[in-house]
All heavy atoms as atom14 arrays in JSON, in Angstrom:
{
  "sequence": "VVFSYLKNKEAVTELFRVVAPKIADRPGGYTRILKLGFRQGDGADTA",
  "atom14_mask": [
    [1, 1, 1, 1, 1, 1, 1, 0, 0, 0, 0, 0, 0, 0],
    [1, 1, 1, 1, 1, 1, 1, 0, 0, 0, 0, 0, 0, 0],
    [1, 1, 1, 1, 1, 1, 1, 1, 1, 1, 1, 0, 0, 0],
    [1, 1, 1, 1, 1, 1, 0, 0, 0, 0, 0, 0, 0, 0],
    [1, 1, 1, 1, 1, 1, 1, 1, 1, 1, 1, 1, 0, 0],
    [1, 1, 1, 1, 1, 1, 1, 1, 0, 0, 0, 0, 0, 0],
    [1, 1, 1, 1, 1, 1, 1, 1, 1, 0, 0, 0, 0, 0],
    [1, 1, 1, 1, 1, 1, 1, 1, 0, 0, 0, 0, 0, 0],
    [1, 1, 1, 1, 1, 1, 1, 1, 1, 0, 0, 0, 0, 0],
    [1, 1, 1, 1, 1, 1, 1, 1, 1, 0, 0, 0, 0, 0],
    [1, 1, 1, 1, 1, 0, 0, 0, 0, 0, 0, 0, 0, 0],
    [1, 1, 1, 1, 1, 1, 1, 0, 0, 0, 0, 0, 0, 0],
    [1, 1, 1, 1, 1, 1, 1, 0, 0, 0, 0, 0, 0, 0],
    [1, 1, 1, 1, 1, 1, 1, 1, 1, 0, 0, 0, 0, 0],
    [1, 1, 1, 1, 1, 1, 1, 1, 0, 0, 0, 0, 0, 0],
    [1, 1, 1, 1, 1, 1, 1, 1, 1, 1, 1, 0, 0, 0],
    [1, 1, 1, 1, 1, 1, 1, 1, 1, 1, 1, 0, 0, 0],
    [1, 1, 1, 1, 1, 1, 1, 0, 0, 0, 0, 0, 0, 0],
    [1, 1, 1, 1, 1, 1, 1, 0, 0, 0, 0, 0, 0, 0],
    [1, 1, 1, 1, 1, 0, 0, 0, 0, 0, 0, 0, 0, 0],
    [1, 1, 1, 1, 1, 1, 1, 0, 0, 0, 0, 0, 0, 0],
    [1, 1, 1, 1, 1, 1, 1, 1, 1, 0, 0, 0, 0, 0],
    [1, 1, 1, 1, 1, 1, 1, 1, 0, 0, 0, 0, 0, 0],
    [1, 1, 1, 1, 1, 0, 0, 0, 0, 0, 0, 0, 0, 0],
    [1, 1, 1, 1, 1, 1, 1, 1, 0, 0, 0, 0, 0, 0],
    [1, 1, 1, 1, 1, 1, 1, 1, 1, 1, 1, 0, 0, 0],
    [1, 1, 1, 1, 1, 1, 1, 0, 0, 0, 0, 0, 0, 0],
    [1, 1, 1, 1, 0, 0, 0, 0, 0, 0, 0, 0, 0, 0],
    [1, 1, 1, 1, 0, 0, 0, 0, 0, 0, 0, 0, 0, 0],
    [1, 1, 1, 1, 1, 1, 1, 1, 1, 1, 1, 1, 0, 0],
    [1, 1, 1, 1, 1, 1, 1, 0, 0, 0, 0, 0, 0, 0],
    [1, 1, 1, 1, 1, 1, 1, 1, 1, 1, 1, 0, 0, 0],
    [1, 1, 1, 1, 1, 1, 1, 1, 0, 0, 0, 0, 0, 0],
    [1, 1, 1, 1, 1, 1, 1, 1, 0, 0, 0, 0, 0, 0],
    [1, 1, 1, 1, 1, 1, 1, 1, 1, 0, 0, 0, 0, 0],
    [1, 1, 1, 1, 1, 1, 1, 1, 0, 0, 0, 0, 0, 0],
    [1, 1, 1, 1, 0, 0, 0, 0, 0, 0, 0, 0, 0, 0],
    [1, 1, 1, 1, 1, 1, 1, 1, 1, 1, 1, 0, 0, 0],
    [1, 1, 1, 1, 1, 1, 1, 1, 1, 1, 1, 0, 0, 0],
    [1, 1, 1, 1, 1, 1, 1, 1, 1, 0, 0, 0, 0, 0],
    [1, 1, 1, 1, 0, 0, 0, 0, 0, 0, 0, 0, 0, 0],
    [1, 1, 1, 1, 1, 1, 1, 1, 0, 0, 0, 0, 0, 0],
    [1, 1, 1, 1, 0, 0, 0, 0, 0, 0, 0, 0, 0, 0],
    [1, 1, 1, 1, 1, 0, 0, 0, 0, 0, 0, 0, 0, 0],
    [1, 1, 1, 1, 1, 1, 1, 1, 0, 0, 0, 0, 0, 0],
    [1, 1, 1, 1, 1, 1, 1, 0, 0, 0, 0, 0, 0, 0],
    [1, 1, 1, 1, 1, 0, 0, 0, 0, 0, 0, 0, 0, 0]
  ],
  "atom14_positions": [
    [[39.2, 211.88, -27.02], [39.4, 211.24, -28.31], [40.87, 210.89, -28.5], [41.22, 209.77, -28.91], [38.89, 212.15, -29.46], [39.36, 211.64, -30.8], [37.39, 212.24, -29.42], [0.0, 0.0, 0.0], [0.0, 0.0, 0.0], [0.0, 0.0, 0.0], [0.0, 0.0, 0.0], [0.0, 0.0, 0.0], [0.0, 0.0, 0.0], [0.0, 0.0, 0.0]],
    [[41.75, 211.82, -28.19], [43.19, 211.58, -28.33], [43.64, 210.48, -27.37], [44.42, 209.6, -27.75], [43.98, 212.89, -28.11], [45.47, 212.61, -28.03], [43.68, 213.87, -29.22], [0.0, 0.0, 0.0], [0.0, 0.0, 0.0], [0.0, 0.0, 0.0], [0.0, 0.0, 0.0], [0.0, 0.0, 0.0], [0.0, 0.0, 0.0], [0.0, 0.0, 0.0]],
    [[43.12, 210.49, -26.15], [43.49, 209.45, -25.19], [43.02, 208.07, -25.65], [43.7, 207.07, -25.41], [42.92, 209.75, -23.8], [43.29, 208.73, -22.77], [44.57, 208.7, -22.23], [42.38, 207.78, -22.35], [44.93, 207.74, -21.3], [42.72, 206.83, -21.41], [44.0, 206.81, -20.88], [0.0, 0.0, 0.0], [0.0, 0.0, 0.0], [0.0, 0.0, 0.0]],
    [[41.87, 208.0, -26.34], [41.39, 206.71, -26.82], [42.33, 206.13, -27.88], [42.39, 204.91, -28.04], [39.98, 206.85, -27.39], [39.99, 207.52, -28.62], [0.0, 0.0, 0.0], [0.0, 0.0, 0.0], [0.0, 0.0, 0.0], [0.0, 0.0, 0.0], [0.0, 0.0, 0.0], [0.0, 0.0, 0.0], [0.0, 0.0, 0.0], [0.0, 0.0, 0.0]],
    [[43.08, 206.99, -28.57], [44.05, 206.5, -29.54], [45.41, 206.21, -28.89], [46.03, 205.2, -29.19], [44.25, 207.53, -30.66], [43.16, 207.54, -31.68], [42.05, 208.36, -31.54], [43.23, 206.72, -32.81], [41.05, 208.37, -32.48], [42.23, 206.72, -33.76], [41.13, 207.55, -33.58], [40.13, 207.54, -34.51], [0.0, 0.0, 0.0], [0.0, 0.0, 0.0]],
    [[45.87, 207.1, -28.03], [47.23, 206.97, -27.49], [47.32, 206.06, -26.27], [48.32, 205.39, -26.06], [47.79, 208.34, -27.12], [48.02, 209.31, -28.26], [48.58, 210.61, -27.74], [48.95, 208.72, -29.3], [0.0, 0.0, 0.0], [0.0, 0.0, 0.0], [0.0, 0.0, 0.0], [0.0, 0.0, 0.0], [0.0, 0.0, 0.0], [0.0, 0.0, 0.0]],
    [[46.31, 206.09, -25.4], [46.26, 205.26, -24.19], [47.45, 205.51, -23.26], [47.99, 204.6, -22.65], [46.18, 203.78, -24.56], [44.93, 203.44, -25.34], [44.99, 202.05, -25.88], [43.76, 201.69, -26.66], [43.49, 202.55, -27.79], [0.0, 0.0, 0.0], [0.0, 0.0, 0.0], [0.0, 0.0, 0.0], [0.0, 0.0, 0.0], [0.0, 0.0, 0.0]],
    [[47.86, 206.79, -23.17], [48.97, 207.16, -22.31], [48.76, 208.59, -21.84], [48.77, 209.52, -22.64], [50.29, 207.04, -23.09], [51.49, 207.26, -22.22], [51.52, 208.14, -21.38], [52.51, 206.44, -22.44], [0.0, 0.0, 0.0], [0.0, 0.0, 0.0], [0.0, 0.0, 0.0], [0.0, 0.0, 0.0], [0.0, 0.0, 0.0], [0.0, 0.0, 0.0]],
    [[48.56, 208.75, -20.51], [48.25, 210.07, -19.96], [49.39, 211.06, -20.17], [49.16, 212.24, -20.46], [47.95, 209.96, -18.47], [46.62, 209.36, -18.16], [46.38, 209.35, -16.66], [45.08, 208.67, -16.31], [44.86, 208.63, -14.86], [0.0, 0.0, 0.0], [0.0, 0.0, 0.0], [0.0, 0.0, 0.0], [0.0, 0.0, 0.0], [0.0, 0.0, 0.0]],
    [[50.63, 210.61, -19.99], [51.77, 211.52, -20.13], [51.87, 212.05, -21.56], [52.17, 213.23, -21.77], [53.07, 210.81, -19.74], [53.19, 210.51, -18.25], [52.43, 209.26, -17.85], [52.12, 208.42, -18.74], [52.13, 209.11, -16.66], [0.0, 0.0, 0.0], [0.0, 0.0, 0.0], [0.0, 0.0, 0.0], [0.0, 0.0, 0.0], [0.0, 0.0, 0.0]],
    [[51.62, 211.18, -22.53], [51.71, 211.61, -23.92], [50.6, 212.61, -24.26], [50.83, 213.59, -24.96], [51.62, 210.4, -24.85], [0.0, 0.0, 0.0], [0.0, 0.0, 0.0], [0.0, 0.0, 0.0], [0.0, 0.0, 0.0], [0.0, 0.0, 0.0], [0.0, 0.0, 0.0], [0.0, 0.0, 0.0], [0.0, 0.0, 0.0], [0.0, 0.0, 0.0]],
    [[49.4, 212.38, -23.73], [48.29, 213.3, -23.98], [48.59, 214.66, -23.35], [48.38, 215.7, -23.97], [46.96, 212.72, -23.45], [45.85, 213.74, -23.53], [46.59, 211.47, -24.21], [0.0, 0.0, 0.0], [0.0, 0.0, 0.0], [0.0, 0.0, 0.0], [0.0, 0.0, 0.0], [0.0, 0.0, 0.0], [0.0, 0.0, 0.0], [0.0, 0.0, 0.0]],
    [[49.11, 214.65, -22.14], [49.46, 215.9, -21.46], [50.54, 216.65, -22.23], [50.45, 217.86, -22.44], [49.94, 215.61, -20.03], [48.91, 214.9, -19.35], [50.25, 216.88, -19.28], [0.0, 0.0, 0.0], [0.0, 0.0, 0.0], [0.0, 0.0, 0.0], [0.0, 0.0, 0.0], [0.0, 0.0, 0.0], [0.0, 0.0, 0.0], [0.0, 0.0, 0.0]],
    [[51.56, 215.94, -22.67], [52.65, 216.55, -23.45], [52.11, 217.13, -24.76], [52.49, 218.23, -25.17], [53.72, 215.5, -23.74], [54.88, 215.99, -24.55], [55.94, 216.68, -23.74], [55.86, 216.7, -22.51], [56.87, 217.22, -24.36], [0.0, 0.0, 0.0], [0.0, 0.0, 0.0], [0.0, 0.0, 0.0], [0.0, 0.0, 0.0], [0.0, 0.0, 0.0]],
    [[51.23, 216.38, -25.41], [50.67, 216.83, -26.68], [49.88, 218.12, -26.52], [50.05, 219.06, -27.29], [49.78, 215.73, -27.27], [49.1, 216.02, -28.6], [50.14, 216.23, -29.69], [48.18, 214.88, -28.97], [0.0, 0.0, 0.0], [0.0, 0.0, 0.0], [0.0, 0.0, 0.0], [0.0, 0.0, 0.0], [0.0, 0.0, 0.0], [0.0, 0.0, 0.0]],
    [[49.04, 218.19, -25.5], [48.18, 219.37, -25.34], [48.91, 220.55, -24.71], [48.57, 221.69, -25.0], [46.95, 219.0, -24.5], [45.88, 218.32, -25.3], [45.87, 216.95, -25.47], [44.88, 219.06, -25.92], [44.89, 216.32, -26.21], [43.9, 218.45, -26.67], [43.9, 217.07, -26.81], [0.0, 0.0, 0.0], [0.0, 0.0, 0.0], [0.0, 0.0, 0.0]],
    [[49.9, 220.31, -23.85], [50.58, 221.42, -23.17], [51.8, 221.95, -23.9], [52.1, 223.14, -23.84], [51.0, 220.99, -21.76], [49.82, 220.87, -20.83], [50.28, 220.75, -19.4], [49.14, 220.53, -18.52], [49.22, 219.99, -17.33], [50.39, 219.6, -16.87], [48.15, 219.83, -16.6], [0.0, 0.0, 0.0], [0.0, 0.0, 0.0], [0.0, 0.0, 0.0]],
    [[52.55, 221.07, -24.55], [53.82, 221.48, -25.16], [53.72, 221.56, -26.68], [54.08, 222.58, -27.28], [54.95, 220.5, -24.75], [56.26, 220.89, -25.42], [55.11, 220.47, -23.24], [0.0, 0.0, 0.0], [0.0, 0.0, 0.0], [0.0, 0.0, 0.0], [0.0, 0.0, 0.0], [0.0, 0.0, 0.0], [0.0, 0.0, 0.0], [0.0, 0.0, 0.0]],
    [[53.21, 220.51, -27.3], [53.21, 220.43, -28.76], [52.15, 221.35, -29.37], [52.44, 222.11, -30.3], [53.0, 218.97, -29.22], [52.93, 218.89, -30.74], [54.11, 218.09, -28.7], [0.0, 0.0, 0.0], [0.0, 0.0, 0.0], [0.0, 0.0, 0.0], [0.0, 0.0, 0.0], [0.0, 0.0, 0.0], [0.0, 0.0, 0.0], [0.0, 0.0, 0.0]],
    [[50.93, 221.3, -28.86], [49.82, 222.06, -29.46], [50.08, 223.57, -29.52], [49.83, 224.19, -30.56], [48.53, 221.76, -28.73], [0.0, 0.0, 0.0], [0.0, 0.0, 0.0], [0.0, 0.0, 0.0], [0.0, 0.0, 0.0], [0.0, 0.0, 0.0], [0.0, 0.0, 0.0], [0.0, 0.0, 0.0], [0.0, 0.0, 0.0], [0.0, 0.0, 0.0]],
    [[50.57, 224.22, -28.46], [50.82, 225.66, -28.58], [51.89, 226.01, -29.62], [51.84, 227.05, -30.25], [51.3, 226.07, -27.18], [50.81, 225.01, -26.28], [50.76, 223.76, -27.08], [0.0, 0.0, 0.0], [0.0, 0.0, 0.0], [0.0, 0.0, 0.0], [0.0, 0.0, 0.0], [0.0, 0.0, 0.0], [0.0, 0.0, 0.0], [0.0, 0.0, 0.0]],
    [[52.85, 225.11, -29.8], [53.93, 225.39, -30.73], [53.49, 225.26, -32.19], [54.03, 225.91, -33.07], [55.1, 224.46, -30.45], [56.43, 225.02, -30.88], [57.56, 224.37, -30.17], [58.84, 225.07, -30.5], [59.98, 224.48, -29.86], [0.0, 0.0, 0.0], [0.0, 0.0, 0.0], [0.0, 0.0, 0.0], [0.0, 0.0, 0.0], [0.0, 0.0, 0.0]],
    [[52.49, 224.41, -32.45], [52.04, 224.2, -33.82], [50.7, 224.87, -34.09], [50.06, 224.59, -35.1], [51.94, 222.69, -34.14], [51.07, 221.93, -33.12], [53.3, 222.06, -34.19], [49.71, 221.69, -33.55], [0.0, 0.0, 0.0], [0.0, 0.0, 0.0], [0.0, 0.0, 0.0], [0.0, 0.0, 0.0], [0.0, 0.0, 0.0], [0.0, 0.0, 0.0]],
    [[50.28, 225.77, -33.21], [48.94, 226.35, -33.3], [48.68, 227.07, -34.62], [47.58, 227.0, -35.16], [48.71, 227.31, -32.14], [0.0, 0.0, 0.0], [0.0, 0.0, 0.0], [0.0, 0.0, 0.0], [0.0, 0.0, 0.0], [0.0, 0.0, 0.0], [0.0, 0.0, 0.0], [0.0, 0.0, 0.0], [0.0, 0.0, 0.0], [0.0, 0.0, 0.0]],
    [[49.68, 227.73, -35.18], [49.46, 228.5, -36.41], [49.79, 227.7, -37.67], [49.6, 228.2, -38.77], [50.3, 229.77, -36.38], [51.77, 229.48, -36.21], [52.1, 228.38, -35.74], [52.59, 230.36, -36.54], [0.0, 0.0, 0.0], [0.0, 0.0, 0.0], [0.0, 0.0, 0.0], [0.0, 0.0, 0.0], [0.0, 0.0, 0.0], [0.0, 0.0, 0.0]],
    [[50.25, 226.48, -37.53], [50.61, 225.64, -38.68], [49.36, 224.93, -39.21], [48.65, 224.29, -38.46], [51.67, 224.62, -38.26], [52.19, 223.76, -39.38], [53.28, 222.82, -38.88], [54.51, 223.52, -38.63], [55.43, 223.75, -39.57], [55.22, 223.36, -40.8], [56.53, 224.38, -39.27], [0.0, 0.0, 0.0], [0.0, 0.0, 0.0], [0.0, 0.0, 0.0]],
    [[49.08, 225.02, -40.52], [47.86, 224.42, -41.05], [47.93, 222.92, -41.32], [46.96, 222.32, -41.76], [47.64, 225.18, -42.35], [49.0, 225.56, -42.77], [49.78, 225.82, -41.51], [0.0, 0.0, 0.0], [0.0, 0.0, 0.0], [0.0, 0.0, 0.0], [0.0, 0.0, 0.0], [0.0, 0.0, 0.0], [0.0, 0.0, 0.0], [0.0, 0.0, 0.0]],
    [[49.04, 222.3, -41.08], [49.19, 220.87, -41.32], [50.66, 220.55, -41.52], [51.51, 221.43, -41.44], [0.0, 0.0, 0.0], [0.0, 0.0, 0.0], [0.0, 0.0, 0.0], [0.0, 0.0, 0.0], [0.0, 0.0, 0.0], [0.0, 0.0, 0.0], [0.0, 0.0, 0.0], [0.0, 0.0, 0.0], [0.0, 0.0, 0.0], [0.0, 0.0, 0.0]],
    [[50.97, 219.3, -41.79], [52.36, 218.91, -42.01], [53.18, 219.03, -40.76], [54.2, 219.72, -40.74], [0.0, 0.0, 0.0], [0.0, 0.0, 0.0], [0.0, 0.0, 0.0], [0.0, 0.0, 0.0], [0.0, 0.0, 0.0], [0.0, 0.0, 0.0], [0.0, 0.0, 0.0], [0.0, 0.0, 0.0], [0.0, 0.0, 0.0], [0.0, 0.0, 0.0]],
    [[52.76, 218.36, -39.7], [53.42, 218.5, -38.41], [54.62, 217.59, -38.27], [55.43, 217.77, -37.36], [52.43, 218.17, -37.28], [51.11, 218.87, -37.43], [49.95, 218.15, -37.7], [51.01, 220.24, -37.3], [48.74, 218.78, -37.85], [49.79, 220.88, -37.45], [48.66, 220.15, -37.72], [47.46, 220.78, -37.87], [0.0, 0.0, 0.0], [0.0, 0.0, 0.0]],
    [[54.75, 216.6, -39.13], [55.86, 215.65, -39.03], [56.69, 215.68, -40.3], [56.23, 216.07, -41.36], [55.35, 214.22, -38.79], [54.47, 213.86, -39.85], [54.64, 214.1, -37.47], [0.0, 0.0, 0.0], [0.0, 0.0, 0.0], [0.0, 0.0, 0.0], [0.0, 0.0, 0.0], [0.0, 0.0, 0.0], [0.0, 0.0, 0.0], [0.0, 0.0, 0.0]],
    [[57.94, 215.24, -40.17], [58.87, 215.18, -41.29], [59.51, 213.8, -41.27], [59.93, 213.32, -40.21], [59.95, 216.26, -41.11], [61.05, 216.23, -42.12], [62.16, 217.22, -41.79], [61.65, 218.59, -41.79], [61.83, 219.45, -40.8], [62.48, 219.09, -39.72], [61.36, 220.67, -40.88], [0.0, 0.0, 0.0], [0.0, 0.0, 0.0], [0.0, 0.0, 0.0]],
    [[59.62, 213.17, -42.44], [60.28, 211.87, -42.55], [61.57, 212.07, -43.32], [61.57, 212.56, -44.45], [59.36, 210.85, -43.27], [58.1, 210.6, -42.46], [60.12, 209.55, -43.51], [57.09, 209.71, -43.13], [0.0, 0.0, 0.0], [0.0, 0.0, 0.0], [0.0, 0.0, 0.0], [0.0, 0.0, 0.0], [0.0, 0.0, 0.0], [0.0, 0.0, 0.0]],
    [[62.68, 211.69, -42.7], [64.0, 211.78, -43.33], [64.54, 210.36, -43.5], [64.7, 209.63, -42.51], [64.97, 212.58, -42.46], [64.54, 214.01, -42.14], [65.42, 214.59, -41.07], [64.58, 214.85, -43.39], [0.0, 0.0, 0.0], [0.0, 0.0, 0.0], [0.0, 0.0, 0.0], [0.0, 0.0, 0.0], [0.0, 0.0, 0.0], [0.0, 0.0, 0.0]],
    [[64.82, 209.96, -44.72], [65.32, 208.61, -44.97], [66.79, 208.53, -44.58], [67.58, 209.4, -44.91], [65.1, 208.24, -46.43], [63.63, 208.14, -46.77], [63.38, 207.68, -48.17], [61.89, 207.63, -48.42], [61.59, 207.16, -49.77], [0.0, 0.0, 0.0], [0.0, 0.0, 0.0], [0.0, 0.0, 0.0], [0.0, 0.0, 0.0], [0.0, 0.0, 0.0]],
    [[67.14, 207.44, -43.88], [68.49, 207.3, -43.34], [69.35, 206.29, -44.1], [70.56, 206.33, -44.0], [68.41, 206.87, -41.87], [67.73, 207.85, -40.93], [67.68, 207.25, -39.53], [68.47, 209.16, -40.91], [0.0, 0.0, 0.0], [0.0, 0.0, 0.0], [0.0, 0.0, 0.0], [0.0, 0.0, 0.0], [0.0, 0.0, 0.0], [0.0, 0.0, 0.0]],
    [[68.74, 205.37, -44.8], [69.51, 204.33, -45.48], [68.99, 202.97, -45.08], [67.82, 202.81, -44.71], [0.0, 0.0, 0.0], [0.0, 0.0, 0.0], [0.0, 0.0, 0.0], [0.0, 0.0, 0.0], [0.0, 0.0, 0.0], [0.0, 0.0, 0.0], [0.0, 0.0, 0.0], [0.0, 0.0, 0.0], [0.0, 0.0, 0.0], [0.0, 0.0, 0.0]],
    [[69.87, 201.98, -45.13], [69.45, 200.61, -44.88], [70.0, 200.11, -43.55], [71.15, 200.39, -43.2], [69.9, 199.71, -46.03], [69.32, 200.12, -47.34], [70.06, 200.85, -48.25], [68.01, 199.81, -47.65], [69.51, 201.26, -49.45], [67.45, 200.22, -48.85], [68.19, 200.93, -49.75], [0.0, 0.0, 0.0], [0.0, 0.0, 0.0], [0.0, 0.0, 0.0]],
    [[69.19, 199.34, -42.84], [69.57, 198.8, -41.55], [70.58, 197.68, -41.75], [70.48, 196.9, -42.69], [68.31, 198.29, -40.83], [68.49, 198.04, -39.38], [67.2, 198.01, -38.61], [66.18, 197.16, -39.19], [64.88, 197.25, -38.9], [64.46, 198.16, -38.05], [64.02, 196.45, -39.45], [0.0, 0.0, 0.0], [0.0, 0.0, 0.0], [0.0, 0.0, 0.0]],
    [[71.54, 197.58, -40.85], [72.63, 196.62, -40.98], [72.14, 195.17, -40.93], [72.54, 194.35, -41.73], [73.65, 196.86, -39.86], [74.9, 196.01, -39.95], [75.76, 196.38, -41.14], [75.85, 197.54, -41.49], [76.38, 195.41, -41.76], [0.0, 0.0, 0.0], [0.0, 0.0, 0.0], [0.0, 0.0, 0.0], [0.0, 0.0, 0.0], [0.0, 0.0, 0.0]],
    [[71.26, 194.85, -39.99], [70.88, 193.46, -39.77], [70.06, 192.84, -40.88], [70.38, 191.78, -41.39], [0.0, 0.0, 0.0], [0.0, 0.0, 0.0], [0.0, 0.0, 0.0], [0.0, 0.0, 0.0], [0.0, 0.0, 0.0], [0.0, 0.0, 0.0], [0.0, 0.0, 0.0], [0.0, 0.0, 0.0], [0.0, 0.0, 0.0], [0.0, 0.0, 0.0]],
    [[68.98, 193.5, -41.3], [68.08, 192.9, -42.27], [67.94, 193.71, -43.55], [67.19, 193.32, -44.44], [66.7, 192.69, -41.64], [66.06, 193.98, -41.17], [66.73, 195.02, -41.24], [64.9, 193.95, -40.73], [0.0, 0.0, 0.0], [0.0, 0.0, 0.0], [0.0, 0.0, 0.0], [0.0, 0.0, 0.0], [0.0, 0.0, 0.0], [0.0, 0.0, 0.0]],
    [[68.61, 194.83, -43.66], [68.57, 195.61, -44.89], [67.3, 196.43, -45.06], [67.02, 196.91, -46.15], [0.0, 0.0, 0.0], [0.0, 0.0, 0.0], [0.0, 0.0, 0.0], [0.0, 0.0, 0.0], [0.0, 0.0, 0.0], [0.0, 0.0, 0.0], [0.0, 0.0, 0.0], [0.0, 0.0, 0.0], [0.0, 0.0, 0.0], [0.0, 0.0, 0.0]],
    [[66.53, 196.6, -43.97], [65.3, 197.38, -44.07], [65.62, 198.85, -44.29], [66.6, 199.37, -43.75], [64.47, 197.21, -42.8], [0.0, 0.0, 0.0], [0.0, 0.0, 0.0], [0.0, 0.0, 0.0], [0.0, 0.0, 0.0], [0.0, 0.0, 0.0], [0.0, 0.0, 0.0], [0.0, 0.0, 0.0], [0.0, 0.0, 0.0], [0.0, 0.0, 0.0]],
    [[64.8, 199.52, -45.08], [64.96, 200.95, -45.35], [64.52, 201.72, -44.11], [63.36, 201.67, -43.73], [64.12, 201.33, -46.56], [64.57, 202.61, -47.22], [65.61, 203.15, -46.81], [63.88, 203.08, -48.13], [0.0, 0.0, 0.0], [0.0, 0.0, 0.0], [0.0, 0.0, 0.0], [0.0, 0.0, 0.0], [0.0, 0.0, 0.0], [0.0, 0.0, 0.0]],
    [[65.43, 202.44, -43.46], [65.11, 203.13, -42.21], [64.88, 204.61, -42.45], [65.34, 205.19, -43.43], [66.23, 202.95, -41.17], [67.45, 203.46, -41.7], [66.4, 201.49, -40.79], [0.0, 0.0, 0.0], [0.0, 0.0, 0.0], [0.0, 0.0, 0.0], [0.0, 0.0, 0.0], [0.0, 0.0, 0.0], [0.0, 0.0, 0.0], [0.0, 0.0, 0.0]],
    [[64.16, 205.21, -41.5], [63.84, 206.63, -41.59], [63.78, 207.22, -40.2], [63.58, 206.52, -39.21], [62.51, 206.83, -42.32], [0.0, 0.0, 0.0], [0.0, 0.0, 0.0], [0.0, 0.0, 0.0], [0.0, 0.0, 0.0], [0.0, 0.0, 0.0], [0.0, 0.0, 0.0], [0.0, 0.0, 0.0], [0.0, 0.0, 0.0], [0.0, 0.0, 0.0]]
  ]
}
């Protein structure tokens, strides 16, 4: 299922071998978004 979304063997392997054991006890909220400001070229809000 994960491979059908990612379509990259290395990413799937990394996710299951490295990331999954580290977040095993976390009930959710695996990512964090930090706002950085505005991009120089087009003024887009970056994060």
